[in-house]
Amino acid sequence: MKSIRRRADLAINGAAPAFEEQLHVGRPNMGDRDAFMRHVEDIFDRRWLSNDGPLVQQFEQEVAAHLGVKHCVAMCNGTIALEIAIRALGMEGEVIVPAYTFVATAHALQWQGITPVFADIDPATHTLDPAAVRKMITPRTSGIIGVHLWGRAAPVEELQAIADEFGLKLMFDAAHAFSCTHGGRKIGSFGACEVLSFHATKFFNSFEGGAVVTDDDELACTMRLMRNFGFSGLDQVSYPGTNGKMIEIAAAMGLVNLKAVDDVIAANRANYRAYREELAGIPGVRLVEYDEAERNNYQYVIAEVAPDCAVPRDRLVDTLRAENILARRYFWPGCHKMEPYRSLFPHAGLLLPATEAVAASVIVLPTGQTMDADKIHVVGQVIRAALQSE
């Protein structure tokens, strides 16, 4: 790794990149290879590949125990899990969501003929602003989907109070928040249900997968029917459903990686603290911090670039990427500026000033098991050099 002291040392100005191998925001974390291969051998021996196999059942039990909830309904991915949870809850008409989230949160509604209504966020937390949610409620509103962003909880109590007051369904997209807590309680049992993602880029992955977790017995039963075409017995369909099942090989990866969760969190925590030290004092760049009183997974390292920073956010992203540091702009430019929502709601941005400001400022930096303090020091050097005056 080269030493970067001045702007001329930067790859964007013609120098060689700092890293030969690209550093990714979400490079997959991998558990014990031998343990995974033992599961694979068992799958081959049983010839049971899908349809609620024994590994899926074990995975559901272990995830539910880890989160302290009654039910985990494993799915093929987080988006299908969102769609099934929305349908099982009977949401319709309009549902309030943040625009500052991955577009799947909105798509899961739009795909089912439900209108996502975008409410603004709190610029300090990046999660739904309860006051903004109240302003977006209409007679057609049937529910709210809160998003726990960066592993930090949405305003659970405030959103529940609003839902109770107006008779709305409340669920949470917890794709970022596996193994995190709110008020000392594991995220997973808030609202009617919470949706998890085990996509490859999540700190805890099952290759590809997702789940809905809940303490509601009836809701869990309905979702189990829905993920398997509505079959309740041999040749008996008792509910309209789809194919949302998790397969055995994905559950095998999930079981192996679940045992490694604490190790991955420890690596993420070390990276976060190294970034905190490295970025301290850099004018115009602020690390978004975690509440150390809560359990966090530190899955994301997020920096905000101030509007008056010496280098604009997008230029800083380009500078980092030239060094093979593949920093990302999350969730630029906001769901409301993506199709079909940009065409359907062309003036939505007028009600989303905090969303647009945060979307224009955030940089997500590489972390995970392949990062370490030495690499993070170079990231800091790149940022400092980029902000030097000519």
Foldseek 3Di string as FASTA:
>chain_A
DDFFAALCCFVVNPHAFQDPAFFDLQAFDAFDPVLLVVLVVVCVVVVAWWDPDPLNVVLFVVLCVLQVADTKAKWQWQLVQLLLLCVLVPFAAEEEEALQDALSNQCSQVVVVHHYAHFAPDLQQRWHDLVRVVVRDDPRYAAYETECPQQHDHPQVSRVVVCVVVVHAYEYADQNHRSKDDPQHGPFEGTQKYKYGQDRRHRQHLVGIIIITYNDPVSNVSSNCQCPCQDPDVVDRDDGHDNTIHISSSSSRNVRSVVCQVVFLVQLVQLLVLLQVLCPPQPQKAWNDDDPVMDGSSSWTKIFGHPPQLDFPVVLCVSCVSSSFNKDQGPPQGSCCDPPNCVVPVPSVVNHVSSRNRSRTMIITGGTPVDHSVVSNSSSSSNNNVRDDD
